[in-house]
């Protein structure tokens, strides 16, 4: 198990979708996709990172 990079808890079982840091459930938002720091700073993914993470979906759309 990883430790939470925000509060130091040893129960970091999730990874933030935006900053890719390990977080515990108390440091995540309610939708469990981003940490509270990314939520406060309203971070968004760049086009390059967005395409890289969704290449399977884009490949399926291109195939259809």
N, C-alpha and C. Protein backbone atom coordinates (compact mmCIF):
# COMPACT_ATOMS: atom_id res chain seq x y z
N UNK A 1 0.83 -1.19 0.00
CA UNK A 1 0.00 0.00 0.00
C UNK A 1 0.87 1.25 0.00
N UNK A 2 0.37 2.27 -0.59
CA UNK A 2 1.06 3.54 -0.64
C UNK A 2 0.60 4.42 0.52
N UNK A 3 1.38 5.44 0.78
CA UNK A 3 0.95 6.42 1.79
C UNK A 3 0.38 7.64 1.07
N UNK A 4 -0.57 8.28 1.72
CA UNK A 4 -1.22 9.45 1.15
C UNK A 4 -0.21 10.59 1.05
N UNK A 5 -0.14 11.23 -0.09
CA UNK A 5 0.83 12.30 -0.31
C UNK A 5 0.37 13.63 0.24
N UNK A 6 -0.83 13.68 0.79
CA UNK A 6 -1.36 14.93 1.34
C UNK A 6 -1.39 14.92 2.87
N UNK A 7 -1.95 13.86 3.45
CA UNK A 7 -2.06 13.83 4.91
C UNK A 7 -1.10 12.85 5.56
N UNK A 8 -0.46 11.98 4.78
CA UNK A 8 0.50 11.03 5.32
C UNK A 8 -0.09 9.73 5.80
N UNK A 9 -1.36 9.51 5.61
CA UNK A 9 -2.02 8.27 6.03
C UNK A 9 -1.46 7.09 5.23
N UNK A 10 -1.43 5.93 5.85
CA UNK A 10 -0.92 4.75 5.16
C UNK A 10 -2.00 4.03 4.36
N UNK A 11 -3.19 4.56 4.33
CA UNK A 11 -4.32 3.92 3.65
C UNK A 11 -4.66 4.57 2.31
N UNK A 12 -3.66 4.95 1.56
CA UNK A 12 -3.90 5.58 0.26
C UNK A 12 -4.23 4.50 -0.76
N UNK A 13 -5.48 4.34 -1.07
CA UNK A 13 -5.90 3.30 -1.98
C UNK A 13 -6.41 3.85 -3.31
N UNK A 14 -6.40 5.13 -3.48
CA UNK A 14 -6.89 5.75 -4.72
C UNK A 14 -5.81 6.64 -5.31
N UNK A 15 -5.95 6.92 -6.60
CA UNK A 15 -5.01 7.79 -7.31
C UNK A 15 -5.80 8.90 -7.98
N UNK A 16 -5.35 10.12 -7.81
CA UNK A 16 -6.03 11.27 -8.40
C UNK A 16 -5.91 11.19 -9.93
N UNK A 17 -6.99 11.44 -10.62
CA UNK A 17 -7.01 11.37 -12.08
C UNK A 17 -6.22 12.51 -12.71
N UNK A 18 -6.13 13.64 -12.03
CA UNK A 18 -5.51 14.82 -12.61
C UNK A 18 -4.02 14.94 -12.27
N UNK A 19 -3.65 14.82 -10.99
CA UNK A 19 -2.24 14.98 -10.62
C UNK A 19 -1.52 13.65 -10.44
N UNK A 20 -2.25 12.55 -10.47
CA UNK A 20 -1.73 11.19 -10.35
C UNK A 20 -0.98 10.94 -9.04
N UNK A 21 -1.38 11.60 -7.96
CA UNK A 21 -0.81 11.35 -6.65
C UNK A 21 -1.72 10.40 -5.90
N UNK A 22 -1.13 9.60 -5.02
CA UNK A 22 -1.91 8.67 -4.23
C UNK A 22 -2.59 9.41 -3.09
N UNK A 23 -3.87 9.10 -2.86
CA UNK A 23 -4.67 9.78 -1.84
C UNK A 23 -5.48 8.76 -1.07
N UNK A 24 -5.77 9.11 0.18
CA UNK A 24 -6.71 8.31 0.96
C UNK A 24 -8.13 8.82 0.66
N UNK A 25 -9.11 8.14 1.16
CA UNK A 25 -10.49 8.52 0.84
C UNK A 25 -10.90 9.84 1.47
N UNK A 26 -10.24 10.26 2.55
CA UNK A 26 -10.59 11.54 3.16
C UNK A 26 -10.02 12.71 2.37
N UNK A 27 -8.99 12.49 1.59
CA UNK A 27 -8.39 13.56 0.79
C UNK A 27 -8.97 13.63 -0.62
N UNK A 28 -9.93 12.77 -0.93
CA UNK A 28 -10.57 12.77 -2.24
C UNK A 28 -11.90 13.50 -2.16
N UNK A 29 -12.39 13.97 -3.31
CA UNK A 29 -13.71 14.59 -3.35
C UNK A 29 -14.78 13.49 -3.35
N UNK A 30 -16.03 13.89 -3.33
CA UNK A 30 -17.12 12.92 -3.24
C UNK A 30 -17.25 12.04 -4.47
N UNK A 31 -16.86 12.54 -5.64
CA UNK A 31 -16.98 11.72 -6.85
C UNK A 31 -15.81 10.77 -7.04
N UNK A 32 -14.81 10.83 -6.16
CA UNK A 32 -13.66 9.92 -6.12
C UNK A 32 -12.79 9.97 -7.37
N UNK A 33 -12.77 11.07 -8.10
CA UNK A 33 -11.92 11.17 -9.27
C UNK A 33 -10.74 12.10 -9.07
N UNK A 34 -10.86 13.06 -8.16
CA UNK A 34 -9.75 13.98 -7.94
C UNK A 34 -9.57 14.30 -6.47
N UNK A 35 -8.35 14.70 -6.16
CA UNK A 35 -8.05 15.06 -4.77
C UNK A 35 -8.60 16.45 -4.48
N UNK A 36 -8.62 16.79 -3.21
CA UNK A 36 -9.18 18.08 -2.83
C UNK A 36 -8.33 19.24 -3.33
N UNK A 37 -7.01 19.05 -3.47
CA UNK A 37 -6.14 20.10 -3.99
C UNK A 37 -6.46 20.40 -5.46
N UNK A 38 -6.68 19.37 -6.25
CA UNK A 38 -7.04 19.58 -7.66
C UNK A 38 -8.43 20.20 -7.77
N UNK A 39 -9.31 19.87 -6.86
CA UNK A 39 -10.66 20.44 -6.85
C UNK A 39 -10.61 21.92 -6.50
N UNK A 40 -9.78 22.29 -5.53
CA UNK A 40 -9.66 23.68 -5.11
C UNK A 40 -9.03 24.53 -6.22
N UNK A 41 -7.98 24.00 -6.85
CA UNK A 41 -7.28 24.73 -7.90
C UNK A 41 -7.94 24.59 -9.27
N UNK A 42 -8.99 23.79 -9.35
CA UNK A 42 -9.76 23.56 -10.58
C UNK A 42 -8.85 23.15 -11.74
N UNK A 43 -7.98 22.17 -11.47
CA UNK A 43 -7.06 21.68 -12.49
C UNK A 43 -7.82 20.92 -13.56
N UNK A 44 -7.34 21.06 -14.77
CA UNK A 44 -7.94 20.36 -15.91
C UNK A 44 -6.84 19.63 -16.66
N UNK A 45 -7.22 18.62 -17.39
CA UNK A 45 -6.27 17.87 -18.20
C UNK A 45 -6.00 18.62 -19.49
N UNK A 46 -4.76 18.57 -19.95
CA UNK A 46 -4.42 19.14 -21.24
C UNK A 46 -4.89 18.21 -22.35
N UNK A 47 -4.88 18.73 -23.56
CA UNK A 47 -5.34 17.94 -24.72
C UNK A 47 -4.48 16.70 -24.90
N UNK A 48 -3.17 16.84 -24.76
CA UNK A 48 -2.25 15.73 -24.97
C UNK A 48 -2.50 14.60 -23.96
N UNK A 49 -2.67 14.96 -22.70
CA UNK A 49 -2.92 13.97 -21.66
C UNK A 49 -4.31 13.36 -21.80
N UNK A 50 -5.29 14.16 -22.20
CA UNK A 50 -6.65 13.67 -22.39
C UNK A 50 -6.71 12.63 -23.51
N UNK A 51 -6.02 12.89 -24.60
CA UNK A 51 -6.00 11.94 -25.71
C UNK A 51 -5.28 10.66 -25.31
N UNK A 52 -4.20 10.79 -24.55
CA UNK A 52 -3.43 9.62 -24.14
C UNK A 52 -4.25 8.71 -23.23
N UNK A 53 -5.02 9.28 -22.33
CA UNK A 53 -5.80 8.47 -21.39
C UNK A 53 -7.05 7.87 -22.02
N UNK A 54 -7.54 8.43 -23.09
CA UNK A 54 -8.78 7.96 -23.70
C UNK A 54 -8.56 7.37 -25.09
N UNK A 55 -7.36 6.84 -25.35
CA UNK A 55 -7.07 6.33 -26.68
C UNK A 55 -7.90 5.09 -27.03
N UNK A 56 -8.29 4.31 -26.04
CA UNK A 56 -9.13 3.15 -26.32
C UNK A 56 -10.51 3.58 -26.81
N UNK A 57 -11.10 4.57 -26.15
CA UNK A 57 -12.42 5.07 -26.54
C UNK A 57 -12.35 5.73 -27.92
N UNK A 58 -11.30 6.50 -28.14
CA UNK A 58 -11.16 7.16 -29.44
C UNK A 58 -10.92 6.15 -30.56
N UNK A 59 -10.21 5.07 -30.26
CA UNK A 59 -10.01 4.01 -31.25
C UNK A 59 -11.31 3.31 -31.59
N UNK A 60 -12.14 3.08 -30.59
CA UNK A 60 -13.45 2.45 -30.82
C UNK A 60 -14.35 3.36 -31.65
N UNK A 61 -14.35 4.64 -31.36
CA UNK A 61 -15.16 5.59 -32.13
C UNK A 61 -14.66 5.66 -33.57
N UNK A 62 -13.34 5.67 -33.74
CA UNK A 62 -12.77 5.69 -35.09
C UNK A 62 -13.09 4.42 -35.87
N UNK A 63 -13.15 3.30 -35.19
CA UNK A 63 -13.48 2.04 -35.84
C UNK A 63 -14.92 2.01 -36.34
N UNK A 64 -15.81 2.60 -35.53
CA UNK A 64 -17.22 2.62 -35.91
C UNK A 64 -17.46 3.60 -37.04
